[in-house]
């Protein structure tokens, strides 16, 4: 623990006992224990947050990649679509011309 051996730990405790006193030393030990526990919790929460950030970055890059693929697919469809629209437009023109011819032949004016 921090590179402190048993003799150093005993020396620190002896100095703390002299400076702080035997009555307040247990309270100080409790406070230090709580502080270390809180520090560990905060550290673990920070690690979890960093891990979540890494995971979110991975998900974001995946969505970006999928978005690019969809965009490329849409570009391909857009390139194909104008030709398809021309075919349907030609078909619509023929259909309209047939309807006009049929109306003309059904018209009472044309029979006389």
PDB file of N, CA and C in Angstrom:
ATOM      1  N   UNK A   1       0.846  -1.191   0.000  1.00  0.00           N
ATOM      2  CA  UNK A   1       0.000   0.000   0.000  1.00  0.00           C
ATOM      3  C   UNK A   1       0.882   1.242   0.000  1.00  0.00           C
ATOM      4  N   UNK A   2       0.993   1.974  -1.061  1.00  0.00           N
ATOM      5  CA  UNK A   2       1.764   3.214  -1.191  1.00  0.00           C
ATOM      6  C   UNK A   2       3.250   3.012  -0.897  1.00  0.00           C
ATOM      7  N   UNK A   3       3.753   1.796  -0.879  1.00  0.00           N
ATOM      8  CA  UNK A   3       5.163   1.544  -0.601  1.00  0.00           C
ATOM      9  C   UNK A   3       5.540   1.777   0.850  1.00  0.00           C
ATOM     10  N   UNK A   4       4.566   1.737   1.733  1.00  0.00           N
ATOM     11  CA  UNK A   4       4.829   1.947   3.163  1.00  0.00           C
ATOM     12  C   UNK A   4       4.861   0.572   3.831  1.00  0.00           C
ATOM     13  N   UNK A   5       5.955   0.305   4.519  1.00  0.00           N
ATOM     14  CA  UNK A   5       6.082  -0.972   5.224  1.00  0.00           C
ATOM     15  C   UNK A   5       5.492  -0.882   6.627  1.00  0.00           C
ATOM     16  N   UNK A   6       5.591  -1.994   7.352  1.00  0.00           N
ATOM     17  CA  UNK A   6       5.037  -2.046   8.709  1.00  0.00           C
ATOM     18  C   UNK A   6       5.748  -1.074   9.664  1.00  0.00           C
ATOM     19  N   UNK A   7       7.074  -0.958   9.643  1.00  0.00           N
ATOM     20  CA  UNK A   7       7.710  -0.007  10.578  1.00  0.00           C
ATOM     21  C   UNK A   7       7.273   1.441  10.332  1.00  0.00           C
ATOM     22  N   UNK A   8       7.134   1.818   9.054  1.00  0.00           N
ATOM     23  CA  UNK A   8       6.703   3.187   8.752  1.00  0.00           C
ATOM     24  C   UNK A   8       5.278   3.435   9.229  1.00  0.00           C
ATOM     25  N   UNK A   9       4.420   2.402   9.083  1.00  0.00           N
ATOM     26  CA  UNK A   9       3.018   2.534   9.502  1.00  0.00           C
ATOM     27  C   UNK A   9       2.927   2.701  11.020  1.00  0.00           C
ATOM     28  N   UNK A  10       3.714   1.943  11.760  1.00  0.00           N
ATOM     29  CA  UNK A  10       3.718   2.052  13.229  1.00  0.00           C
ATOM     30  C   UNK A  10       4.204   3.430  13.642  1.00  0.00           C
ATOM     31  N   UNK A  11       5.221   3.948  12.979  1.00  0.00           N
ATOM     32  CA  UNK A  11       5.737   5.279  13.296  1.00  0.00           C
ATOM     33  C   UNK A  11       4.677   6.352  13.045  1.00  0.00           C
ATOM     34  N   UNK A  12       3.961   6.247  11.914  1.00  0.00           N
ATOM     35  CA  UNK A  12       2.907   7.218  11.593  1.00  0.00           C
ATOM     36  C   UNK A  12       1.792   7.151  12.632  1.00  0.00           C
ATOM     37  N   UNK A  13       1.366   5.946  13.006  1.00  0.00           N
ATOM     38  CA  UNK A  13       0.308   5.796  14.013  1.00  0.00           C
ATOM     39  C   UNK A  13       0.749   6.349  15.367  1.00  0.00           C
ATOM     40  N   UNK A  14       2.012   6.152  15.750  1.00  0.00           N
ATOM     41  CA  UNK A  14       2.524   6.667  17.032  1.00  0.00           C
ATOM     42  C   UNK A  14       2.515   8.191  17.032  1.00  0.00           C
ATOM     43  N   UNK A  15       2.930   8.796  15.903  1.00  0.00           N
ATOM     44  CA  UNK A  15       2.927  10.262  15.812  1.00  0.00           C
ATOM     45  C   UNK A  15       1.490  10.779  15.835  1.00  0.00           C
ATOM     46  N   UNK A  16       0.581  10.095  15.144  1.00  0.00           N
ATOM     47  CA  UNK A  16      -0.819  10.515  15.138  1.00  0.00           C
ATOM     48  C   UNK A  16      -1.415  10.395  16.527  1.00  0.00           C
ATOM     49  N   UNK A  17      -1.051   9.356  17.246  1.00  0.00           N
ATOM     50  CA  UNK A  17      -1.570   9.169  18.611  1.00  0.00           C
ATOM     51  C   UNK A  17      -1.097  10.297  19.517  1.00  0.00           C
ATOM     52  N   UNK A  18       0.143  10.718  19.340  1.00  0.00           N
ATOM     53  CA  UNK A  18       0.685  11.803  20.177  1.00  0.00           C
ATOM     54  C   UNK A  18       0.048  13.139  19.791  1.00  0.00           C
ATOM     55  N   UNK A  19      -0.050  13.420  18.489  1.00  0.00           N
ATOM     56  CA  UNK A  19      -0.543  14.724  18.020  1.00  0.00           C
ATOM     57  C   UNK A  19      -2.050  14.839  18.222  1.00  0.00           C
ATOM     58  N   UNK A  20      -2.809  13.832  17.840  1.00  0.00           N
ATOM     59  CA  UNK A  20      -4.268  13.915  17.859  1.00  0.00           C
ATOM     60  C   UNK A  20      -4.835  13.531  19.225  1.00  0.00           C
ATOM     61  N   UNK A  21      -4.263  12.533  19.819  1.00  0.00           N
ATOM     62  CA  UNK A  21      -4.756  12.086  21.115  1.00  0.00           C
ATOM     63  C   UNK A  21      -5.558  10.807  20.977  1.00  0.00           C
ATOM     64  N   UNK A  22      -5.602  10.026  22.067  1.00  0.00           N
ATOM     65  CA  UNK A  22      -6.270   8.720  22.006  1.00  0.00           C
ATOM     66  C   UNK A  22      -7.792   8.816  21.867  1.00  0.00           C
ATOM     67  N   UNK A  23      -8.386   9.915  22.276  1.00  0.00           N
ATOM     68  CA  UNK A  23      -9.854  10.031  22.208  1.00  0.00           C
ATOM     69  C   UNK A  23     -10.340  10.333  20.774  1.00  0.00           C
ATOM     70  N   UNK A  24      -9.595  11.127  20.047  1.00  0.00           N
ATOM     71  CA  UNK A  24     -10.032  11.550  18.709  1.00  0.00           C
ATOM     72  C   UNK A  24      -9.494  10.653  17.594  1.00  0.00           C
ATOM     73  N   UNK A  25      -8.545   9.794  17.894  1.00  0.00           N
ATOM     74  CA  UNK A  25      -7.950   8.950  16.866  1.00  0.00           C
ATOM     75  C   UNK A  25      -8.958   7.993  16.213  1.00  0.00           C
ATOM     76  N   UNK A  26      -9.860   7.334  16.941  1.00  0.00           N
ATOM     77  CA  UNK A  26     -10.856   6.471  16.283  1.00  0.00           C
ATOM     78  C   UNK A  26     -11.798   7.256  15.348  1.00  0.00           C
ATOM     79  N   UNK A  27     -12.193   8.441  15.773  1.00  0.00           N
ATOM     80  CA  UNK A  27     -13.052   9.265  14.907  1.00  0.00           C
ATOM     81  C   UNK A  27     -12.330   9.664  13.631  1.00  0.00           C
ATOM     82  N   UNK A  28     -11.036   9.990  13.760  1.00  0.00           N
ATOM     83  CA  UNK A  28     -10.237  10.344  12.596  1.00  0.00           C
ATOM     84  C   UNK A  28     -10.095   9.144  11.662  1.00  0.00           C
ATOM     85  N   UNK A  29      -9.913   7.959  12.221  1.00  0.00           N
ATOM     86  CA  UNK A  29      -9.787   6.743  11.404  1.00  0.00           C
ATOM     87  C   UNK A  29     -11.093   6.477  10.642  1.00  0.00           C
ATOM     88  N   UNK A  30     -12.235   6.667  11.317  1.00  0.00           N
ATOM     89  CA  UNK A  30     -13.533   6.501  10.635  1.00  0.00           C
ATOM     90  C   UNK A  30     -13.674   7.490   9.493  1.00  0.00           C
ATOM     91  N   UNK A  31     -13.320   8.723   9.766  1.00  0.00           N
ATOM     92  CA  UNK A  31     -13.423   9.760   8.727  1.00  0.00           C
ATOM     93  C   UNK A  31     -12.527   9.442   7.547  1.00  0.00           C
ATOM     94  N   UNK A  32     -11.303   8.998   7.795  1.00  0.00           N
ATOM     95  CA  UNK A  32     -10.401   8.634   6.707  1.00  0.00           C
ATOM     96  C   UNK A  32     -10.939   7.435   5.929  1.00  0.00           C
ATOM     97  N   UNK A  33     -11.497   6.455   6.642  1.00  0.00           N
ATOM     98  CA  UNK A  33     -12.083   5.285   5.972  1.00  0.00           C
ATOM     99  C   UNK A  33     -13.232   5.684   5.064  1.00  0.00           C
ATOM    100  N   UNK A  34     -14.101   6.574   5.549  1.00  0.00           N
ATOM    101  CA  UNK A  34     -15.219   7.048   4.727  1.00  0.00           C
ATOM    102  C   UNK A  34     -14.717   7.836   3.516  1.00  0.00           C
ATOM    103  N   UNK A  35     -13.689   8.639   3.739  1.00  0.00           N
ATOM    104  CA  UNK A  35     -13.140   9.439   2.642  1.00  0.00           C
ATOM    105  C   UNK A  35     -12.556   8.530   1.553  1.00  0.00           C
ATOM    106  N   UNK A  36     -11.805   7.497   1.980  1.00  0.00           N
ATOM    107  CA  UNK A  36     -11.255   6.569   0.991  1.00  0.00           C
ATOM    108  C   UNK A  36     -12.359   5.812   0.252  1.00  0.00           C
ATOM    109  N   UNK A  37     -13.411   5.420   0.968  1.00  0.00           N
ATOM    110  CA  UNK A  37     -14.533   4.711   0.327  1.00  0.00           C
ATOM    111  C   UNK A  37     -15.217   5.624  -0.694  1.00  0.00           C
ATOM    112  N   UNK A  38     -15.417   6.870  -0.331  1.00  0.00           N
ATOM    113  CA  UNK A  38     -16.037   7.832  -1.256  1.00  0.00           C
ATOM    114  C   UNK A  38     -15.136   8.059  -2.476  1.00  0.00           C
ATOM    115  N   UNK A  39     -13.838   8.123  -2.225  1.00  0.00           N
ATOM    116  CA  UNK A  39     -12.885   8.292  -3.326  1.00  0.00           C
ATOM    117  C   UNK A  39     -12.952   7.094  -4.278  1.00  0.00           C
ATOM    118  N   UNK A  40     -13.035   5.882  -3.726  1.00  0.00           N
ATOM    119  CA  UNK A  40     -13.150   4.679  -4.566  1.00  0.00           C
ATOM    120  C   UNK A  40     -14.432   4.716  -5.384  1.00  0.00           C
ATOM    121  N   UNK A  41     -15.555   5.097  -4.756  1.00  0.00           N
ATOM    122  CA  UNK A  41     -16.826   5.182  -5.492  1.00  0.00           C
ATOM    123  C   UNK A  41     -16.742   6.190  -6.633  1.00  0.00           C
ATOM    124  N   UNK A  42     -16.184   7.342  -6.328  1.00  0.00           N
ATOM    125  CA  UNK A  42     -16.061   8.378  -7.365  1.00  0.00           C
ATOM    126  C   UNK A  42     -15.162   7.893  -8.500  1.00  0.00           C
ATOM    127  N   UNK A  43     -14.087   7.205  -8.158  1.00  0.00           N
ATOM    128  CA  UNK A  43     -13.179   6.685  -9.171  1.00  0.00           C
ATOM    129  C   UNK A  43     -13.873   5.641 -10.036  1.00  0.00           C
ATOM    130  N   UNK A  44     -14.627   4.740  -9.403  1.00  0.00           N
ATOM    131  CA  UNK A  44     -15.324   3.711 -10.180  1.00  0.00           C
ATOM    132  C   UNK A  44     -16.407   4.328 -11.069  1.00  0.00           C
ATOM    133  N   UNK A  45     -17.103   5.352 -10.573  1.00  0.00           N
ATOM    134  CA  UNK A  45     -18.101   6.038 -11.403  1.00  0.00           C
ATOM    135  C   UNK A  45     -17.436   6.716 -12.607  1.00  0.00           C
ATOM    136  N   UNK A  46     -16.273   7.293 -12.387  1.00  0.00           N
ATOM    137  CA  UNK A  46     -15.545   7.932 -13.477  1.00  0.00           C
ATOM    138  C   UNK A  46     -15.123   6.894 -14.516  1.00  0.00           C
ATOM    139  N   UNK A  47     -14.640   5.747 -14.048  1.00  0.00           N
ATOM    140  CA  UNK A  47     -14.264   4.672 -14.974  1.00  0.00           C
ATOM    141  C   UNK A  47     -15.470   4.208 -15.778  1.00  0.00           C
ATOM    142  N   UNK A  48     -16.621   4.035 -15.119  1.00  0.00           N
ATOM    143  CA  UNK A  48     -17.841   3.620 -15.815  1.00  0.00           C
ATOM    144  C   UNK A  48     -18.253   4.655 -16.858  1.00  0.00           C
ATOM    145  N   UNK A  49     -18.144   5.916 -16.495  1.00  0.00           N
ATOM    146  CA  UNK A  49     -18.499   6.985 -17.427  1.00  0.00           C
ATOM    147  C   UNK A  49     -17.597   6.953 -18.655  1.00  0.00           C
ATOM    148  N   UNK A  50     -16.314   6.751 -18.428  1.00  0.00           N
ATOM    149  CA  UNK A  50     -15.381   6.685 -19.557  1.00  0.00           C
ATOM    150  C   UNK A  50     -15.670   5.472 -20.428  1.00  0.00           C
ATOM    151  N   UNK A  51     -16.003   4.348 -19.811  1.00  0.00           N
ATOM    152  CA  UNK A  51     -16.345   3.152 -20.582  1.00  0.00           C
ATOM    153  C   UNK A  51     -17.620   3.383 -21.396  1.00  0.00           C
ATOM    154  N   UNK A  52     -18.595   4.051 -20.791  1.00  0.00           N
ATOM    155  CA  UNK A  52     -19.846   4.348 -21.505  1.00  0.00           C
ATOM    156  C   UNK A  52     -19.563   5.288 -22.676  1.00  0.00           C
ATOM    157  N   UNK A  53     -18.682   6.271 -22.451  1.00  0.00           N
ATOM    158  CA  UNK A  53     -18.323   7.186 -23.539  1.00  0.00           C
ATOM    159  C   UNK A  53     -17.677   6.425 -24.696  1.00  0.00           C
ATOM    160  N   UNK A  54     -16.799   5.477 -24.368  1.00  0.00           N
ATOM    161  CA  UNK A  54     -16.172   4.672 -25.425  1.00  0.00           C
ATOM    162  C   UNK A  54     -17.212   3.867 -26.179  1.00  0.00           C
ATOM    163  N   UNK A  55     -18.160   3.281 -25.442  1.00  0.00           N
ATOM    164  CA  UNK A  55     -19.206   2.493 -26.080  1.00  0.00           C
ATOM    165  C   UNK A  55     -20.079   3.377 -26.965  1.00  0.00           C
ATOM    166  N   UNK A  56     -20.396   4.576 -26.487  1.00  0.00           N
ATOM    167  CA  UNK A  56     -21.204   5.501 -27.284  1.00  0.00           C
ATOM    168  C   UNK A  56     -20.468   5.917 -28.558  1.00  0.00           C
ATOM    169  N   UNK A  57     -19.165   6.102 -28.460  1.00  0.00           N
ATOM    170  CA  UNK A  57     -18.386   6.453 -29.644  1.00  0.00           C
ATOM    171  C   UNK A  57     -18.436   5.321 -30.657  1.00  0.00           C
ATOM    172  N   UNK A  58     -18.353   4.073 -30.173  1.00  0.00           N
ATOM    173  CA  UNK A  58     -18.433   2.921 -31.079  1.00  0.00           C
ATOM    174  C   UNK A  58     -19.798   2.870 -31.760  1.00  0.00           C
ATOM    175  N   UNK A  59     -20.859   3.083 -30.986  1.00  0.00           N
ATOM    176  CA  UNK A  59     -22.209   3.058 -31.550  1.00  0.00           C
ATOM    177  C   UNK A  59     -22.381   4.189 -32.552  1.00  0.00           C
ATOM    178  N   UNK A  60     -21.870   5.357 -32.211  1.00  0.00           N
ATOM    179  CA  UNK A  60     -21.990   6.499 -33.123  1.00  0.00           C
ATOM    180  C   UNK A  60     -21.256   6.234 -34.428  1.00  0.00           C
ATOM    181  N   UNK A  61     -20.060   5.654 -34.339  1.00  0.00           N
ATOM    182  CA  UNK A  61     -19.321   5.371 -35.571  1.00  0.00           C
ATOM    183  C   UNK A  61     -20.055   4.325 -36.406  1.00  0.00           C
ATOM    184  N   UNK A  62     -20.702   3.364 -35.740  1.00  0.00           N
ATOM    185  CA  UNK A  62     -21.485   2.363 -36.469  1.00  0.00           C
ATOM    186  C   UNK A  62     -22.652   3.022 -37.183  1.00  0.00           C
ATOM    187  N   UNK A  63     -23.380   3.904 -36.485  1.00  0.00           N
ATOM    188  CA  UNK A  63     -24.499   4.605 -37.110  1.00  0.00           C
ATOM    189  C   UNK A  63     -24.014   5.492 -38.251  1.00  0.00           C
ATOM    190  N   UNK A  64     -22.872   6.148 -38.081  1.00  0.00           N
ATOM    191  CA  UNK A  64     -22.329   6.974 -39.157  1.00  0.00           C
ATOM    192  C   UNK A  64     -22.021   6.117 -40.381  1.00  0.00           C
ATOM    193  N   UNK A  65     -21.440   4.953 -40.132  1.00  0.00           N
ATOM    194  CA  UNK A  65     -21.103   4.042 -41.239  1.00  0.00           C
ATOM    195  C   UNK A  65     -22.374   3.578 -41.951  1.00  0.00           C
ATOM    196  N   UNK A  66     -23.385   3.199 -41.168  1.00  0.00           N
ATOM    197  CA  UNK A  66     -24.649   2.753 -41.755  1.00  0.00           C
ATOM    198  C   UNK A  66     -25.303   3.909 -42.512  1.00  0.00           C
ATOM    199  N   UNK A  67     -25.240   5.103 -41.947  1.00  0.00           N
ATOM    200  CA  UNK A  67     -25.801   6.277 -42.618  1.00  0.00           C
ATOM    201  C   UNK A  67     -25.136   6.536 -43.959  1.00  0.00           C
ATOM    202  N   UNK A  68     -23.818   6.376 -44.006  1.00  0.00           N
ATOM    203  CA  UNK A  68     -23.106   6.568 -45.272  1.00  0.00           C
ATOM    204  C   UNK A  68     -23.548   5.529 -46.295  1.00  0.00           C
ATOM    205  N   UNK A  69     -23.697   4.280 -45.842  1.00  0.00           N
ATOM    206  CA  UNK A  69     -24.127   3.227 -46.755  1.00  0.00           C
ATOM    207  C   UNK A  69     -25.534   3.499 -47.289  1.00  0.00           C
ATOM    208  N   UNK A  70     -26.418   3.963 -46.419  1.00  0.00           N
ATOM    209  CA  UNK A  70     -27.784   4.277 -46.851  1.00  0.00           C
ATOM    210  C   UNK A  70     -27.751   5.435 -47.843  1.00  0.00           C
ATOM    211  N   UNK A  71     -26.937   6.432 -47.549  1.00  0.00           N
ATOM    212  CA  UNK A  71     -26.833   7.575 -48.441  1.00  0.00           C
ATOM    213  C   UNK A  71     -26.323   7.142 -49.815  1.00  0.00           C
ATOM    214  N   UNK A  72     -25.312   6.265 -49.819  1.00  0.00           N
ATOM    215  CA  UNK A  72     -24.790   5.766 -51.094  1.00  0.00           C
ATOM    216  C   UNK A  72     -25.856   4.980 -51.835  1.00  0.00           C
ATOM    217  N   UNK A  73     -26.630   4.181 -51.111  1.00  0.00           N
ATOM    218  CA  UNK A  73     -27.709   3.412 -51.740  1.00  0.00           C
ATOM    219  C   UNK A  73     -28.761   4.347 -52.316  1.00  0.00           C
ATOM    220  N   UNK A  74     -29.069   5.418 -51.600  1.00  0.00           N
ATOM    221  CA  UNK A  74     -30.049   6.391 -52.097  1.00  0.00           C
ATOM    222  C   UNK A  74     -29.518   7.085 -53.349  1.00  0.00           C
ATOM    223  N   UNK A  75     -28.220   7.381 -53.379  1.00  0.00           N
ATOM    224  CA  UNK A  75     -27.628   8.008 -54.558  1.00  0.00           C
ATOM    225  C   UNK A  75     -27.741   7.080 -55.756  1.00  0.00           C
ATOM    226  N   UNK A  76     -27.525   5.794 -55.551  1.00  0.00           N
ATOM    227  CA  UNK A  76     -27.653   4.827 -56.639  1.00  0.00           C
ATOM    228  C   UNK A  76     -29.093   4.788 -57.122  1.00  0.00           C
ATOM    229  N   UNK A  77     -30.061   4.780 -56.198  1.00  0.00           N
ATOM    230  CA  UNK A  77     -31.477   4.777 -56.574  1.00  0.00           C
ATOM    231  C   UNK A  77     -31.858   6.044 -57.319  1.00  0.00           C
ATOM    232  N   UNK A  78     -31.306   7.167 -56.925  1.00  0.00           N
ATOM    233  CA  UNK A  78     -31.609   8.425 -57.597  1.00  0.00           C
ATOM    234  C   UNK A  78     -31.073   8.387 -59.016  1.00  0.00           C
ATOM    235  N   UNK A  79     -29.909   7.786 -59.227  1.00  0.00           N
ATOM    236  CA  UNK A  79     -29.348   7.679 -60.572  1.00  0.00           C
ATOM    237  C   UNK A  79     -30.212   6.795 -61.459  1.00  0.00           C
ATOM    238  N   UNK A  80     -30.805   5.762 -60.902  1.00  0.00           N
ATOM    239  CA  UNK A  80     -31.638   4.838 -61.678  1.00  0.00           C
ATOM    240  C   UNK A  80     -33.032   5.416 -61.897  1.00  0.00           C
ATOM    241  N   UNK A  81     -33.564   6.121 -60.947  1.00  0.00           N
ATOM    242  CA  UNK A  81     -34.940   6.592 -60.951  1.00  0.00           C
ATOM    243  C   UNK A  81     -35.294   7.475 -62.145  1.00  0.00           C
ATOM    244  N   UNK A  82     -34.457   8.440 -62.566  1.00  0.00           N
ATOM    245  CA  UNK A  82     -34.889   9.285 -63.688  1.00  0.00           C
ATOM    246  C   UNK A  82     -35.235   8.489 -64.930  1.00  0.00           C
ATOM    247  N   UNK A  83     -34.499   7.437 -65.254  1.00  0.00           N
ATOM    248  CA  UNK A  83     -34.832   6.608 -66.401  1.00  0.00           C
ATOM    249  C   UNK A  83     -36.179   5.936 -66.209  1.00  0.00           C
ATOM    250  N   UNK A  84     -36.432   5.457 -65.010  1.00  0.00           N
ATOM    251  CA  UNK A  84     -37.704   4.814 -64.712  1.00  0.00           C
ATOM    252  C   UNK A  84     -38.847   5.816 -64.827  1.00  0.00           C
ATOM    253  N   UNK A  85     -38.612   7.040 -64.398  1.00  0.00           N
ATOM    254  CA  UNK A  85     -39.665   8.056 -64.483  1.00  0.00           C
ATOM    255  C   UNK A  85     -39.967   8.380 -65.938  1.00  0.00           C
ATOM    256  N   UNK A  86     -38.951   8.396 -66.783  1.00  0.00           N
ATOM    257  CA  UNK A  86     -39.175   8.675 -68.203  1.00  0.00           C
ATOM    258  C   UNK A  86     -40.036   7.591 -68.825  1.00  0.00           C
ATOM    259  N   UNK A  87     -39.803   6.344 -68.456  1.00  0.00           N
ATOM    260  CA  UNK A  87     -40.602   5.244 -68.989  1.00  0.00           C
ATOM    261  C   UNK A  87     -42.048   5.412 -68.567  1.00  0.00           C
ATOM    262  N   UNK A  88     -42.263   5.717 -67.264  1.00  0.00           N
ATOM    263  CA  UNK A  88     -43.637   5.879 -66.801  1.00  0.00           C
ATOM    264  C   UNK A  88     -44.271   7.120 -67.425  1.00  0.00           C
ATOM    265  N   UNK A  89     -43.480   8.167 -67.661  1.00  0.00           N
ATOM    266  CA  UNK A  89     -44.007   9.373 -68.287  1.00  0.00           C
ATOM    267  C   UNK A  89     -44.432   9.074 -69.717  1.00  0.00           C
ATOM    268  N   UNK A  90     -43.619   8.282 -70.438  1.00  0.00           N
ATOM    269  CA  UNK A  90     -43.978   7.898 -71.806  1.00  0.00           C
ATOM    270  C   UNK A  90     -45.266   7.071 -71.803  1.00  0.00           C
ATOM    271  N   UNK A  91     -45.373   6.179 -70.852  1.00  0.00           N
ATOM    272  CA  UNK A  91     -46.575   5.356 -70.738  1.00  0.00           C
ATOM    273  C   UNK A  91     -47.792   6.223 -70.467  1.00  0.00           C
ATOM    274  N   UNK A  92     -47.636   7.215 -69.571  1.00  0.00           N
ATOM    275  CA  UNK A  92     -48.738   8.123 -69.267  1.00  0.00           C
ATOM    276  C   UNK A  92     -49.138   8.936 -70.501  1.00  0.00           C
ATOM    277  N   UNK A  93     -48.165   9.351 -71.285  1.00  0.00           N
ATOM    278  CA  UNK A  93     -48.479  10.112 -72.493  1.00  0.00           C
ATOM    279  C   UNK A  93     -49.295   9.266 -73.465  1.00  0.00           C
ATOM    280  N   UNK A  94     -48.876   8.019 -73.660  1.00  0.00           N
ATOM    281  CA  UNK A  94     -49.611   7.119 -74.558  1.00  0.00           C
ATOM    282  C   UNK A  94     -51.025   6.888 -74.044  1.00  0.00           C
ATOM    283  N   UNK A  95     -51.163   6.717 -72.744  1.00  0.00           N
ATOM    284  CA  UNK A  95     -52.473   6.488 -72.145  1.00  0.00           C
ATOM    285  C   UNK A  95     -53.375   7.705 -72.366  1.00  0.00           C
ATOM    286  N   UNK A  96     -52.827   8.895 -72.162  1.00  0.00           N
ATOM    287  CA  UNK A  96     -53.603  10.123 -72.365  1.00  0.00           C
ATOM    288  C   UNK A  96     -54.016  10.277 -73.831  1.00  0.00           C
ATOM    289  N   UNK A  97     -53.097   9.954 -74.748  1.00  0.00           N
ATOM    290  CA  UNK A  97     -53.432  10.073 -76.175  1.00  0.00           C
ATOM    291  C   UNK A  97     -54.548   9.105 -76.557  1.00  0.00           C
ATOM    292  N   UNK A  98     -54.525   7.890 -76.010  1.00  0.00           N
ATOM    293  CA  UNK A  98     -55.583   6.919 -76.287  1.00  0.00           C
ATOM    294  C   UNK A  98     -56.926   7.412 -75.745  1.00  0.00           C
ATOM    295  N   UNK A  99     -56.898   8.005 -74.559  1.00  0.00           N
ATOM    296  CA  UNK A  99     -58.136   8.522 -73.981  1.00  0.00           C
ATOM    297  C   UNK A  99     -58.694   9.655 -74.843  1.00  0.00           C
ATOM    298  N   UNK A 100     -57.813  10.505 -75.361  1.00  0.00           N
ATOM    299  CA  UNK A 100     -58.264  11.611 -76.209  1.00  0.00           C
ATOM    300  C   UNK A 100     -58.875  11.054 -77.498  1.00  0.00           C
ATOM    301  N   UNK A 101     -58.220  10.058 -78.088  1.00  0.00           N
ATOM    302  CA  UNK A 101     -58.748   9.449 -79.311  1.00  0.00           C
ATOM    303  C   UNK A 101     -60.103   8.806 -79.066  1.00  0.00           C
ATOM    304  N   UNK A 102     -60.238   8.117 -77.931  1.00  0.00           N
ATOM    305  CA  UNK A 102     -61.513   7.475 -77.596  1.00  0.00           C
ATOM    306  C   UNK A 102     -62.606   8.518 -77.390  1.00  0.00           C
ATOM    307  N   UNK A 103     -62.305   9.625 -76.773  1.00  0.00           N
ATOM    308  CA  UNK A 103     -63.283  10.686 -76.569  1.00  0.00           C
ATOM    309  C   UNK A 103     -63.702  11.293 -77.913  1.00  0.00           C
ATOM    310  N   UNK A 104     -62.723  11.475 -78.773  1.00  0.00           N
ATOM    311  CA  UNK A 104     -63.008  12.033 -80.094  1.00  0.00           C
ATOM    312  C   UNK A 104     -63.908  11.102 -80.887  1.00  0.00           C
ATOM    313  N   UNK A 105     -63.670   9.809 -80.802  1.00  0.00           N
ATOM    314  CA  UNK A 105     -64.489   8.871 -81.578  1.00  0.00           C
ATOM    315  C   UNK A 105     -65.883   8.736 -80.964  1.00  0.00           C
ATOM    316  N   UNK A 106     -66.034   8.981 -79.687  1.00  0.00           N
ATOM    317  CA  UNK A 106     -67.346   8.905 -79.053  1.00  0.00           C
ATOM    318  C   UNK A 106     -68.119  10.216 -79.187  1.00  0.00           C
ATOM    319  N   UNK A 107     -67.479  11.266 -79.583  1.00  0.00           N
ATOM    320  CA  UNK A 107     -68.105  12.578 -79.662  1.00  0.00           C
ATOM    321  C   UNK A 107     -69.214  12.592 -80.724  1.00  0.00           C
ATOM    322  N   UNK A 108     -70.398  13.159 -80.444  1.00  0.00           N
ATOM    323  CA  UNK A 108     -71.474  13.197 -81.402  1.00  0.00           C
ATOM    324  C   UNK A 108     -71.171  14.085 -82.598  1.00  0.00           C
ATOM    325  N   UNK A 109     -70.265  15.013 -82.471  1.00  0.00           N
ATOM    326  CA  UNK A 109     -69.920  15.904 -83.565  1.00  0.00           C
ATOM    327  C   UNK A 109     -69.155  15.169 -84.656  1.00  0.00           C
ATOM    328  N   UNK A 110     -68.330  14.165 -84.295  1.00  0.00           N
ATOM    329  CA  UNK A 110     -67.527  13.488 -85.285  1.00  0.00           C
ATOM    330  C   UNK A 110     -68.393  12.587 -86.181  1.00  0.00           C
ATOM    331  N   UNK A 111     -69.534  12.056 -85.678  1.00  0.00           N
ATOM    332  CA  UNK A 111     -70.405  11.178 -86.462  1.00  0.00           C
ATOM    333  C   UNK A 111     -71.301  12.010 -87.390  1.00  0.00           C
ATOM    334  N   UNK A 112     -71.600  13.192 -87.043  1.00  0.00           N
ATOM    335  CA  UNK A 112     -72.310  14.099 -87.895  1.00  0.00           C
ATOM    336  C   UNK A 112     -73.730  14.136 -87.800  1.00  0.00           C
TER     337      UNK A 112
END
